[in-house]
Amino acid sequence: MANKIKFFIITGDPGVGKTTLTKKLCSSLNSKGVKTTGFFTEEIRRNKVREGFDIVTLDGRRGRLARDQSLLPVPVKYTVGKYGVLIHEFENIALSSIKQTDDSQTLLVIDEIGKMEFFSSHFKSRIKEIFSSDSKNIVVATIPVRKSDPLIESIRNNSMARVWTVTRVNRNNVHEDILNEIYLSIK
């Protein structure tokens, strides 16, 4: 018998719509009475220029993940391109939003598991726990499309995971396929 899918992984190029798709999935699931918890990562723009990224929990708490270093009063230790990663602000919001739960009817949403987020050793440890074989969580998560960190690759190749690659062609209709798979897993 095949392993039951517990990890619904969304990948795709930057800007293709992974976060938008994840929000759409949450909205559809919530409307059917499925509880969700976790966070999204949102771009912050001013006058059409990206200034950085915020982390926003599904219950509405918000904090900064990264900002253009030119907008920060002091240099930060971790950077990705022109962005300084604000580890403590990220951890204060993210870690409490992705606590493991024994409730198999609550979906854990993690958008995104990537380079910026992995500067946090606490976040990386929590991700290891969540994606372990004895975890009871059902997870919807986004990961980078390019091969990167060994932990991200272990998520991509997990026997209990199914990966969808979002493209500009399929991004408006792939949600139905993912929703159907999720409904099969939570029944």
C-alpha atoms as a PDB file:
ATOM      1  CA  MET A   1       0.000   0.000   0.000  1.00  0.00           C
ATOM      2  CA  ALA A   2       1.311   3.450  -0.904  1.00  0.00           C
ATOM      3  CA  ASN A   3       2.099   5.925   1.836  1.00  0.00           C
ATOM      4  CA  LYS A   4      -0.619   8.425   2.537  1.00  0.00           C
ATOM      5  CA  ILE A   5       0.309  11.910   1.379  1.00  0.00           C
ATOM      6  CA  LYS A   6       0.838  14.242   4.355  1.00  0.00           C
ATOM      7  CA  PHE A   7       3.035  16.890   2.793  1.00  0.00           C
ATOM      8  CA  PHE A   8       1.645  18.991  -0.053  1.00  0.00           C
ATOM      9  CA  ILE A   9       4.617  20.822  -1.518  1.00  0.00           C
ATOM     10  CA  ILE A  10       4.335  23.716  -3.951  1.00  0.00           C
ATOM     11  CA  THR A  11       7.351  24.870  -5.917  1.00  0.00           C
ATOM     12  CA  GLY A  12       7.986  27.112  -8.894  1.00  0.00           C
ATOM     13  CA  ASP A  13      10.007  30.067 -10.053  1.00  0.00           C
ATOM     14  CA  PRO A  14      10.017  33.262  -7.976  1.00  0.00           C
ATOM     15  CA  GLY A  15       6.961  35.401  -8.686  1.00  0.00           C
ATOM     16  CA  VAL A  16       4.986  32.628 -10.399  1.00  0.00           C
ATOM     17  CA  GLY A  17       2.178  32.683  -7.816  1.00  0.00           C
ATOM     18  CA  LYS A  18       3.042  30.129  -5.114  1.00  0.00           C
ATOM     19  CA  THR A  19       1.846  32.369  -2.283  1.00  0.00           C
ATOM     20  CA  THR A  20      -1.306  33.337  -4.167  1.00  0.00           C
ATOM     21  CA  LEU A  21      -2.047  29.645  -4.769  1.00  0.00           C
ATOM     22  CA  THR A  22      -1.408  28.812  -1.116  1.00  0.00           C
ATOM     23  CA  LYS A  23      -3.783  31.578   0.014  1.00  0.00           C
ATOM     24  CA  LYS A  24      -6.421  30.295  -2.414  1.00  0.00           C
ATOM     25  CA  LEU A  25      -6.043  26.765  -0.998  1.00  0.00           C
ATOM     26  CA  CYS A  26      -6.442  28.068   2.567  1.00  0.00           C
ATOM     27  CA  SER A  27      -9.542  30.031   1.646  1.00  0.00           C
ATOM     28  CA  SER A  28     -11.130  26.985  -0.012  1.00  0.00           C
ATOM     29  CA  LEU A  29     -10.232  24.708   2.895  1.00  0.00           C
ATOM     30  CA  ASN A  30     -11.504  27.181   5.508  1.00  0.00           C
ATOM     31  CA  SER A  31     -14.802  27.514   3.636  1.00  0.00           C
ATOM     32  CA  LYS A  32     -15.200  23.712   3.967  1.00  0.00           C
ATOM     33  CA  GLY A  33     -14.508  23.832   7.704  1.00  0.00           C
ATOM     34  CA  VAL A  34     -10.854  22.734   7.564  1.00  0.00           C
ATOM     35  CA  LYS A  35      -8.721  24.598  10.111  1.00  0.00           C
ATOM     36  CA  THR A  36      -5.410  26.083   8.973  1.00  0.00           C
ATOM     37  CA  THR A  37      -2.525  27.560  10.921  1.00  0.00           C
ATOM     38  CA  GLY A  38       0.861  28.876   9.862  1.00  0.00           C
ATOM     39  CA  PHE A  39       2.157  31.774   7.811  1.00  0.00           C
ATOM     40  CA  PHE A  40       2.593  33.409   4.410  1.00  0.00           C
ATOM     41  CA  THR A  41       5.482  35.452   3.128  1.00  0.00           C
ATOM     42  CA  GLU A  42       4.424  38.664   1.369  1.00  0.00           C
ATOM     43  CA  GLU A  43       6.382  41.096  -0.771  1.00  0.00           C
ATOM     44  CA  ILE A  44       6.437  44.663   0.507  1.00  0.00           C
ATOM     45  CA  ARG A  45       6.392  47.238  -2.291  1.00  0.00           C
ATOM     46  CA  ARG A  46       6.396  51.006  -2.339  1.00  0.00           C
ATOM     47  CA  ASN A  47       5.847  52.813  -5.650  1.00  0.00           C
ATOM     48  CA  LYS A  48       6.153  49.450  -7.448  1.00  0.00           C
ATOM     49  CA  VAL A  49       9.627  48.862  -5.986  1.00  0.00           C
ATOM     50  CA  ARG A  50      10.120  45.808  -3.761  1.00  0.00           C
ATOM     51  CA  GLU A  51      11.468  46.898  -0.387  1.00  0.00           C
ATOM     52  CA  GLY A  52      11.440  43.509   1.270  1.00  0.00           C
ATOM     53  CA  PHE A  53       9.287  40.737   2.675  1.00  0.00           C
ATOM     54  CA  ASP A  54       6.942  40.366   5.638  1.00  0.00           C
ATOM     55  CA  ILE A  55       5.762  37.249   7.368  1.00  0.00           C
ATOM     56  CA  VAL A  56       2.017  37.185   8.027  1.00  0.00           C
ATOM     57  CA  THR A  57       0.344  34.524  10.136  1.00  0.00           C
ATOM     58  CA  LEU A  58      -3.009  33.074   9.170  1.00  0.00           C
ATOM     59  CA  ASP A  59      -4.467  34.750  12.269  1.00  0.00           C
ATOM     60  CA  GLY A  60      -3.194  38.163  11.124  1.00  0.00           C
ATOM     61  CA  ARG A  61       0.037  38.813  13.030  1.00  0.00           C
ATOM     62  CA  ARG A  62       2.729  40.462  10.905  1.00  0.00           C
ATOM     63  CA  GLY A  63       6.466  41.055  11.154  1.00  0.00           C
ATOM     64  CA  ARG A  64       9.403  41.830   8.916  1.00  0.00           C
ATOM     65  CA  LEU A  65      11.368  38.975   7.359  1.00  0.00           C
ATOM     66  CA  ALA A  66      13.742  41.041   5.231  1.00  0.00           C
ATOM     67  CA  ARG A  67      14.281  44.583   3.999  1.00  0.00           C
ATOM     68  CA  ASP A  68      16.434  46.255   1.422  1.00  0.00           C
ATOM     69  CA  GLN A  69      19.608  46.924   3.400  1.00  0.00           C
ATOM     70  CA  SER A  70      19.588  50.563   2.311  1.00  0.00           C
ATOM     71  CA  LEU A  71      16.373  50.980   4.343  1.00  0.00           C
ATOM     72  CA  LEU A  72      17.781  49.477   7.539  1.00  0.00           C
ATOM     73  CA  PRO A  73      19.367  51.727  10.177  1.00  0.00           C
ATOM     74  CA  VAL A  74      22.220  49.273  10.823  1.00  0.00           C
ATOM     75  CA  PRO A  75      23.739  46.413   8.813  1.00  0.00           C
ATOM     76  CA  VAL A  76      22.442  42.934   9.619  1.00  0.00           C
ATOM     77  CA  LYS A  77      24.389  39.680   9.868  1.00  0.00           C
ATOM     78  CA  TYR A  78      22.483  37.681   7.241  1.00  0.00           C
ATOM     79  CA  THR A  79      21.771  38.832   3.713  1.00  0.00           C
ATOM     80  CA  VAL A  80      20.309  37.475   0.500  1.00  0.00           C
ATOM     81  CA  GLY A  81      21.129  39.739  -2.409  1.00  0.00           C
ATOM     82  CA  LYS A  82      20.264  43.290  -1.408  1.00  0.00           C
ATOM     83  CA  TYR A  83      18.035  42.159   1.467  1.00  0.00           C
ATOM     84  CA  GLY A  84      18.984  42.028   5.119  1.00  0.00           C
ATOM     85  CA  VAL A  85      17.217  39.170   6.905  1.00  0.00           C
ATOM     86  CA  LEU A  86      15.680  40.109  10.260  1.00  0.00           C
ATOM     87  CA  ILE A  87      15.975  36.768  12.060  1.00  0.00           C
ATOM     88  CA  HIS A  88      14.531  37.734  15.460  1.00  0.00           C
ATOM     89  CA  GLU A  89      11.449  39.406  13.988  1.00  0.00           C
ATOM     90  CA  PHE A  90      10.909  36.392  11.742  1.00  0.00           C
ATOM     91  CA  GLU A  91      11.275  33.917  14.614  1.00  0.00           C
ATOM     92  CA  ASN A  92       8.914  35.874  16.889  1.00  0.00           C
ATOM     93  CA  ILE A  93       6.122  35.473  14.364  1.00  0.00           C
ATOM     94  CA  ALA A  94       6.929  32.252  12.498  1.00  0.00           C
ATOM     95  CA  LEU A  95       7.816  29.844  15.280  1.00  0.00           C
ATOM     96  CA  SER A  96       4.625  30.324  17.278  1.00  0.00           C
ATOM     97  CA  SER A  97       2.514  29.977  14.124  1.00  0.00           C
ATOM     98  CA  ILE A  98       3.885  26.540  13.152  1.00  0.00           C
ATOM     99  CA  LYS A  99       3.674  24.606  16.386  1.00  0.00           C
ATOM    100  CA  GLN A 100       3.128  20.927  15.829  1.00  0.00           C
ATOM    101  CA  THR A 101      -0.385  19.778  16.507  1.00  0.00           C
ATOM    102  CA  ASP A 102      -1.830  16.330  17.136  1.00  0.00           C
ATOM    103  CA  ASP A 103      -5.009  17.444  15.395  1.00  0.00           C
ATOM    104  CA  SER A 104      -4.837  15.725  12.003  1.00  0.00           C
ATOM    105  CA  GLN A 105      -7.704  17.946  10.861  1.00  0.00           C
ATOM    106  CA  THR A 106      -5.633  21.138  11.129  1.00  0.00           C
ATOM    107  CA  LEU A 107      -3.427  21.927   8.166  1.00  0.00           C
ATOM    108  CA  LEU A 108      -0.067  23.526   8.819  1.00  0.00           C
ATOM    109  CA  VAL A 109       0.791  26.190   6.194  1.00  0.00           C
ATOM    110  CA  ILE A 110       4.429  27.189   5.683  1.00  0.00           C
ATOM    111  CA  ASP A 111       5.072  29.739   2.928  1.00  0.00           C
ATOM    112  CA  GLU A 112       8.029  29.599   2.508  1.00  0.00           C
ATOM    113  CA  ILE A 113      10.814  27.200   3.412  1.00  0.00           C
ATOM    114  CA  GLY A 114      13.808  28.861   1.815  1.00  0.00           C
ATOM    115  CA  LYS A 115      17.188  30.501   2.118  1.00  0.00           C
ATOM    116  CA  MET A 116      16.109  33.554   4.118  1.00  0.00           C
ATOM    117  CA  GLU A 117      14.089  31.493   6.570  1.00  0.00           C
ATOM    118  CA  PHE A 118      16.907  28.970   7.035  1.00  0.00           C
ATOM    119  CA  PHE A 119      19.203  31.597   8.561  1.00  0.00           C
ATOM    120  CA  SER A 120      17.122  30.791  11.662  1.00  0.00           C
ATOM    121  CA  SER A 121      18.468  27.610  13.263  1.00  0.00           C
ATOM    122  CA  HIS A 122      15.300  27.430  15.410  1.00  0.00           C
ATOM    123  CA  PHE A 123      13.102  27.514  12.304  1.00  0.00           C
ATOM    124  CA  LYS A 124      15.242  24.881  10.587  1.00  0.00           C
ATOM    125  CA  SER A 125      14.924  22.599  13.640  1.00  0.00           C
ATOM    126  CA  ARG A 126      11.164  23.061  13.692  1.00  0.00           C
ATOM    127  CA  ILE A 127      10.987  22.172   9.984  1.00  0.00           C
ATOM    128  CA  LYS A 128      12.958  18.958  10.655  1.00  0.00           C
ATOM    129  CA  GLU A 129      10.424  18.012  13.356  1.00  0.00           C
ATOM    130  CA  ILE A 130       7.411  18.839  11.203  1.00  0.00           C
ATOM    131  CA  PHE A 131       8.641  16.771   8.261  1.00  0.00           C
ATOM    132  CA  SER A 132       9.818  13.798  10.320  1.00  0.00           C
ATOM    133  CA  SER A 133       8.226  10.412   9.705  1.00  0.00           C
ATOM    134  CA  ASP A 134       6.455  10.403  13.086  1.00  0.00           C
ATOM    135  CA  SER A 135       4.888  13.821  12.598  1.00  0.00           C
ATOM    136  CA  LYS A 136       1.094  13.843  12.668  1.00  0.00           C
ATOM    137  CA  ASN A 137       0.835  17.122  10.790  1.00  0.00           C
ATOM    138  CA  ILE A 138      -0.622  17.557   7.339  1.00  0.00           C
ATOM    139  CA  VAL A 139       1.357  20.342   5.713  1.00  0.00           C
ATOM    140  CA  VAL A 140       1.037  22.692   2.755  1.00  0.00           C
ATOM    141  CA  ALA A 141       4.412  24.296   2.118  1.00  0.00           C
ATOM    142  CA  THR A 142       6.281  26.180  -0.575  1.00  0.00           C
ATOM    143  CA  ILE A 143       9.923  25.513  -1.420  1.00  0.00           C
ATOM    144  CA  PRO A 144      12.354  26.904  -4.003  1.00  0.00           C
ATOM    145  CA  VAL A 145      12.300  25.230  -7.404  1.00  0.00           C
ATOM    146  CA  ARG A 146      16.089  25.029  -7.602  1.00  0.00           C
ATOM    147  CA  LYS A 147      17.948  22.411  -5.631  1.00  0.00           C
ATOM    148  CA  SER A 148      19.382  23.960  -2.513  1.00  0.00           C
ATOM    149  CA  ASP A 149      19.642  22.957   1.132  1.00  0.00           C
ATOM    150  CA  PRO A 150      19.758  19.201   1.946  1.00  0.00           C
ATOM    151  CA  LEU A 151      16.750  19.601   4.277  1.00  0.00           C
ATOM    152  CA  ILE A 152      14.693  21.165   1.491  1.00  0.00           C
ATOM    153  CA  GLU A 153      15.716  18.316  -0.808  1.00  0.00           C
ATOM    154  CA  SER A 154      14.664  15.779   1.837  1.00  0.00           C
ATOM    155  CA  ILE A 155      11.233  17.461   1.920  1.00  0.00           C
ATOM    156  CA  ARG A 156      11.010  17.408  -1.877  1.00  0.00           C
ATOM    157  CA  ASN A 157      11.887  13.681  -1.936  1.00  0.00           C
ATOM    158  CA  ASN A 158       9.915  12.578   1.137  1.00  0.00           C
ATOM    159  CA  SER A 159       7.854   9.437   0.479  1.00  0.00           C
ATOM    160  CA  MET A 160       4.856  11.114   2.155  1.00  0.00           C
ATOM    161  CA  ALA A 161       5.112  14.233  -0.029  1.00  0.00           C
ATOM    162  CA  ARG A 162       3.619  15.195  -3.330  1.00  0.00           C
ATOM    163  CA  VAL A 163       5.200  18.103  -5.187  1.00  0.00           C
ATOM    164  CA  TRP A 164       3.420  20.422  -7.599  1.00  0.00           C
ATOM    165  CA  THR A 165       5.436  22.753  -9.804  1.00  0.00           C
ATOM    166  CA  VAL A 166       3.464  25.934 -10.412  1.00  0.00           C
ATOM    167  CA  THR A 167       3.915  27.610 -13.787  1.00  0.00           C
ATOM    168  CA  ARG A 168       2.276  30.572 -15.483  1.00  0.00           C
ATOM    169  CA  VAL A 169       0.313  28.029 -17.547  1.00  0.00           C
ATOM    170  CA  ASN A 170      -1.118  25.919 -14.690  1.00  0.00           C
ATOM    171  CA  ARG A 171      -1.242  28.388 -11.782  1.00  0.00           C
ATOM    172  CA  ASN A 172      -4.928  29.211 -12.247  1.00  0.00           C
ATOM    173  CA  ASN A 173      -6.171  25.614 -12.248  1.00  0.00           C
ATOM    174  CA  VAL A 174      -3.695  23.481 -10.255  1.00  0.00           C
ATOM    175  CA  HIS A 175      -5.463  24.312  -6.975  1.00  0.00           C
ATOM    176  CA  GLU A 176      -8.325  21.881  -7.704  1.00  0.00           C
ATOM    177  CA  ASP A 177      -5.897  18.968  -8.036  1.00  0.00           C
ATOM    178  CA  ILE A 178      -4.155  19.914  -4.785  1.00  0.00           C
ATOM    179  CA  LEU A 179      -7.460  20.411  -2.931  1.00  0.00           C
ATOM    180  CA  ASN A 180      -8.714  16.996  -4.019  1.00  0.00           C
ATOM    181  CA  GLU A 181      -5.515  15.359  -2.730  1.00  0.00           C
ATOM    182  CA  ILE A 182      -5.766  17.232   0.586  1.00  0.00           C
ATOM    183  CA  TYR A 183      -9.398  16.167   1.077  1.00  0.00           C
ATOM    184  CA  LEU A 184      -8.368  12.533   0.552  1.00  0.00           C
ATOM    185  CA  SER A 185      -5.676  12.888   3.236  1.00  0.00           C
ATOM    186  CA  ILE A 186      -7.805  14.487   5.931  1.00  0.00           C
ATOM    187  CA  LYS A 187     -10.699  12.059   5.668  1.00  0.00           C
END
